[in-house]
Amino acid sequence: MSVEVSVDAAKKNLEDILAKLSPGETATLIGPEGRPMAVLVPLKSSKGTAQEIDWDAEWEALALKIDSAWKSEKSALEIITEMRR
């Protein structure tokens, strides 16, 4: 499960947002243009949470979500390679 949060709201309430996320959940930060800018993934588990998480499936789902939102004609690898030149 993922929640979407504006960058401005994240600036003001980051601790609260992270505290409300359960293991396996993410918070997608939405920029001023309405496009995803970043994904927050909590690294510590909440108290009382003892569920088994299939991290491979979670990361694959996240990769598919990012891929579907990707707007550039170039891949991320091509962009990073150009930046390093």
N, C-alpha and C. Protein backbone atom coordinates (compact mmCIF):
# COMPACT_ATOMS: atom_id res chain seq x y z
N MET A 1 0.85 -1.18 0.00
CA MET A 1 0.00 0.00 0.00
C MET A 1 0.89 1.24 0.00
N SER A 2 0.45 2.24 -0.68
CA SER A 2 1.22 3.48 -0.76
C SER A 2 0.28 4.67 -0.58
N VAL A 3 0.81 5.70 0.04
CA VAL A 3 0.06 6.95 0.17
C VAL A 3 0.80 8.02 -0.62
N GLU A 4 0.05 9.00 -1.09
CA GLU A 4 0.66 10.11 -1.80
C GLU A 4 0.59 11.34 -0.92
N VAL A 5 1.71 12.06 -0.84
CA VAL A 5 1.82 13.23 0.02
C VAL A 5 2.52 14.33 -0.77
N SER A 6 2.03 15.55 -0.65
CA SER A 6 2.71 16.65 -1.33
C SER A 6 4.05 16.92 -0.65
N VAL A 7 4.98 17.46 -1.39
CA VAL A 7 6.30 17.77 -0.84
C VAL A 7 6.15 18.78 0.30
N ASP A 8 5.26 19.75 0.14
CA ASP A 8 5.05 20.75 1.20
C ASP A 8 4.55 20.10 2.48
N ALA A 9 3.59 19.17 2.37
CA ALA A 9 3.08 18.47 3.55
C ALA A 9 4.17 17.63 4.19
N ALA A 10 5.02 17.02 3.38
CA ALA A 10 6.11 16.21 3.91
C ALA A 10 7.12 17.06 4.67
N LYS A 11 7.36 18.28 4.20
CA LYS A 11 8.29 19.18 4.90
C LYS A 11 7.79 19.48 6.30
N LYS A 12 6.48 19.64 6.42
CA LYS A 12 5.89 20.03 7.71
C LYS A 12 5.63 18.84 8.62
N ASN A 13 5.37 17.66 8.06
CA ASN A 13 4.90 16.52 8.86
C ASN A 13 5.68 15.23 8.61
N LEU A 14 6.96 15.31 8.30
CA LEU A 14 7.71 14.12 7.93
C LEU A 14 7.68 13.04 9.01
N GLU A 15 7.91 13.42 10.25
CA GLU A 15 7.92 12.42 11.33
C GLU A 15 6.57 11.72 11.45
N ASP A 16 5.49 12.48 11.36
CA ASP A 16 4.15 11.89 11.46
C ASP A 16 3.88 10.94 10.29
N ILE A 17 4.29 11.34 9.10
CA ILE A 17 4.07 10.51 7.92
C ILE A 17 4.81 9.18 8.07
N LEU A 18 6.07 9.25 8.48
CA LEU A 18 6.85 8.03 8.64
C LEU A 18 6.31 7.15 9.76
N ALA A 19 5.83 7.76 10.83
CA ALA A 19 5.28 6.99 11.96
C ALA A 19 4.03 6.22 11.57
N LYS A 20 3.27 6.75 10.62
CA LYS A 20 2.02 6.10 10.22
C LYS A 20 2.23 4.99 9.19
N LEU A 21 3.40 4.93 8.58
CA LEU A 21 3.66 3.89 7.58
C LEU A 21 4.01 2.57 8.24
N SER A 22 3.39 1.51 7.78
CA SER A 22 3.70 0.16 8.25
C SER A 22 4.79 -0.42 7.36
N PRO A 23 5.46 -1.47 7.83
CA PRO A 23 6.46 -2.11 6.97
C PRO A 23 5.82 -2.54 5.65
N GLY A 24 6.51 -2.25 4.56
CA GLY A 24 6.00 -2.60 3.25
C GLY A 24 5.21 -1.48 2.60
N GLU A 25 4.78 -0.48 3.37
CA GLU A 25 4.07 0.65 2.81
C GLU A 25 5.07 1.73 2.40
N THR A 26 4.66 2.57 1.48
CA THR A 26 5.52 3.66 1.02
C THR A 26 4.71 4.95 0.98
N ALA A 27 5.42 6.05 0.97
CA ALA A 27 4.80 7.36 0.78
C ALA A 27 5.46 7.98 -0.45
N THR A 28 4.66 8.29 -1.46
CA THR A 28 5.16 8.92 -2.67
C THR A 28 5.03 10.42 -2.51
N LEU A 29 6.14 11.14 -2.66
CA LEU A 29 6.11 12.60 -2.55
C LEU A 29 5.77 13.19 -3.91
N ILE A 30 4.73 14.01 -3.93
CA ILE A 30 4.23 14.61 -5.16
C ILE A 30 4.68 16.06 -5.23
N GLY A 31 5.33 16.43 -6.32
CA GLY A 31 5.85 17.78 -6.49
C GLY A 31 4.79 18.77 -6.91
N PRO A 32 5.18 20.02 -7.05
CA PRO A 32 4.25 21.09 -7.41
C PRO A 32 3.53 20.86 -8.74
N GLU A 33 4.17 20.14 -9.66
CA GLU A 33 3.56 19.89 -10.97
C GLU A 33 2.62 18.69 -10.93
N GLY A 34 2.49 18.06 -9.76
CA GLY A 34 1.63 16.89 -9.64
C GLY A 34 2.29 15.59 -10.04
N ARG A 35 3.60 15.62 -10.20
CA ARG A 35 4.34 14.42 -10.59
C ARG A 35 5.09 13.84 -9.39
N PRO A 36 5.24 12.51 -9.35
CA PRO A 36 6.02 11.90 -8.26
C PRO A 36 7.47 12.37 -8.30
N MET A 37 8.02 12.70 -7.12
CA MET A 37 9.41 13.16 -7.03
C MET A 37 10.29 12.19 -6.25
N ALA A 38 9.70 11.50 -5.27
CA ALA A 38 10.49 10.61 -4.41
C ALA A 38 9.56 9.61 -3.75
N VAL A 39 10.16 8.55 -3.23
CA VAL A 39 9.40 7.55 -2.48
C VAL A 39 10.08 7.35 -1.14
N LEU A 40 9.29 7.43 -0.08
CA LEU A 40 9.79 7.18 1.27
C LEU A 40 9.45 5.75 1.67
N VAL A 41 10.45 5.04 2.19
CA VAL A 41 10.25 3.67 2.64
C VAL A 41 10.74 3.58 4.08
N PRO A 42 9.86 3.26 5.04
CA PRO A 42 10.31 3.16 6.43
C PRO A 42 11.23 1.95 6.61
N LEU A 43 12.28 2.12 7.40
CA LEU A 43 13.22 1.03 7.62
C LEU A 43 12.99 0.29 8.94
N LYS A 44 12.27 0.91 9.86
CA LYS A 44 12.01 0.23 11.12
C LYS A 44 10.55 -0.22 11.14
N SER A 45 10.32 -1.32 11.84
CA SER A 45 8.95 -1.82 11.91
C SER A 45 8.20 -1.17 13.06
N SER A 46 6.90 -1.08 12.90
CA SER A 46 6.05 -0.54 13.96
C SER A 46 5.94 -1.55 15.09
N LYS A 47 5.66 -1.05 16.29
CA LYS A 47 5.47 -1.94 17.42
C LYS A 47 4.28 -2.85 17.17
N GLY A 48 4.42 -4.10 17.56
CA GLY A 48 3.31 -5.04 17.42
C GLY A 48 3.14 -5.59 16.02
N THR A 49 4.00 -5.24 15.10
CA THR A 49 3.89 -5.75 13.74
C THR A 49 4.84 -6.92 13.58
N ALA A 50 4.27 -8.08 13.35
CA ALA A 50 5.08 -9.28 13.21
C ALA A 50 4.69 -10.03 11.95
N GLN A 51 4.44 -9.33 10.88
CA GLN A 51 4.04 -9.97 9.64
C GLN A 51 5.25 -10.21 8.76
N GLU A 52 5.18 -11.24 7.98
CA GLU A 52 6.24 -11.57 7.03
C GLU A 52 6.00 -10.76 5.77
N ILE A 53 7.02 -10.09 5.28
CA ILE A 53 6.88 -9.24 4.10
C ILE A 53 7.70 -9.82 2.96
N ASP A 54 7.09 -9.94 1.79
CA ASP A 54 7.79 -10.38 0.60
C ASP A 54 8.40 -9.15 -0.06
N TRP A 55 9.64 -8.81 0.35
CA TRP A 55 10.28 -7.59 -0.11
C TRP A 55 10.54 -7.60 -1.61
N ASP A 56 10.81 -8.77 -2.17
CA ASP A 56 11.02 -8.83 -3.63
C ASP A 56 9.76 -8.39 -4.36
N ALA A 57 8.61 -8.84 -3.90
CA ALA A 57 7.34 -8.45 -4.53
C ALA A 57 7.06 -6.97 -4.31
N GLU A 58 7.37 -6.46 -3.11
CA GLU A 58 7.15 -5.05 -2.82
C GLU A 58 8.01 -4.16 -3.72
N TRP A 59 9.29 -4.51 -3.87
CA TRP A 59 10.19 -3.71 -4.71
C TRP A 59 9.79 -3.82 -6.18
N GLU A 60 9.34 -5.00 -6.60
CA GLU A 60 8.89 -5.17 -7.99
C GLU A 60 7.66 -4.30 -8.26
N ALA A 61 6.72 -4.27 -7.33
CA ALA A 61 5.53 -3.44 -7.47
C ALA A 61 5.90 -1.96 -7.52
N LEU A 62 6.86 -1.57 -6.68
CA LEU A 62 7.32 -0.18 -6.69
C LEU A 62 8.00 0.16 -8.02
N ALA A 63 8.81 -0.76 -8.53
CA ALA A 63 9.48 -0.53 -9.82
C ALA A 63 8.46 -0.37 -10.94
N LEU A 64 7.41 -1.17 -10.93
CA LEU A 64 6.37 -1.05 -11.94
C LEU A 64 5.62 0.27 -11.84
N LYS A 65 5.40 0.73 -10.61
CA LYS A 65 4.71 2.01 -10.41
C LYS A 65 5.57 3.17 -10.93
N ILE A 66 6.85 3.14 -10.63
CA ILE A 66 7.77 4.18 -11.10
C ILE A 66 7.86 4.12 -12.62
N ASP A 67 7.96 2.91 -13.18
CA ASP A 67 8.05 2.75 -14.63
C ASP A 67 6.81 3.30 -15.33
N SER A 68 5.64 3.09 -14.75
CA SER A 68 4.42 3.58 -15.39
C SER A 68 4.31 5.10 -15.34
N ALA A 69 4.98 5.73 -14.35
CA ALA A 69 4.94 7.19 -14.23
C ALA A 69 6.09 7.87 -14.97
N TRP A 70 7.04 7.09 -15.49
CA TRP A 70 8.22 7.64 -16.16
C TRP A 70 7.82 8.34 -17.43
N LYS A 71 8.18 9.61 -17.58
CA LYS A 71 7.75 10.43 -18.72
C LYS A 71 8.85 10.69 -19.75
N SER A 72 10.09 10.44 -19.41
CA SER A 72 11.19 10.75 -20.29
C SER A 72 11.34 9.69 -21.38
N GLU A 73 11.82 10.13 -22.56
CA GLU A 73 12.12 9.17 -23.62
C GLU A 73 13.39 8.39 -23.32
N LYS A 74 14.24 8.95 -22.46
CA LYS A 74 15.48 8.29 -22.06
C LYS A 74 15.24 7.48 -20.79
N SER A 75 16.01 6.41 -20.65
CA SER A 75 15.92 5.61 -19.43
C SER A 75 16.68 6.31 -18.30
N ALA A 76 16.42 5.89 -17.08
CA ALA A 76 17.13 6.46 -15.94
C ALA A 76 18.64 6.23 -16.08
N LEU A 77 19.02 5.07 -16.58
CA LEU A 77 20.43 4.76 -16.76
C LEU A 77 21.07 5.72 -17.76
N GLU A 78 20.37 6.03 -18.86
CA GLU A 78 20.92 6.98 -19.84
C GLU A 78 21.07 8.36 -19.24
N ILE A 79 20.12 8.80 -18.45
CA ILE A 79 20.19 10.12 -17.82
C ILE A 79 21.34 10.19 -16.83
N ILE A 80 21.50 9.17 -16.00
CA ILE A 80 22.61 9.15 -15.03
C ILE A 80 23.95 9.13 -15.74
N THR A 81 24.06 8.34 -16.82
CA THR A 81 25.30 8.29 -17.58
C THR A 81 25.66 9.66 -18.13
N GLU A 82 24.68 10.38 -18.65
CA GLU A 82 24.93 11.72 -19.18
C GLU A 82 25.35 12.68 -18.07
N MET A 83 24.75 12.55 -16.91
CA MET A 83 25.09 13.43 -15.79
C MET A 83 26.52 13.21 -15.32
N ARG A 84 27.02 12.00 -15.43
CA ARG A 84 28.37 11.69 -14.95
C ARG A 84 29.45 12.14 -15.91
N ARG A 85 29.09 12.51 -17.11
CA ARG A 85 30.09 12.94 -18.11
C ARG A 85 30.61 14.30 -17.81
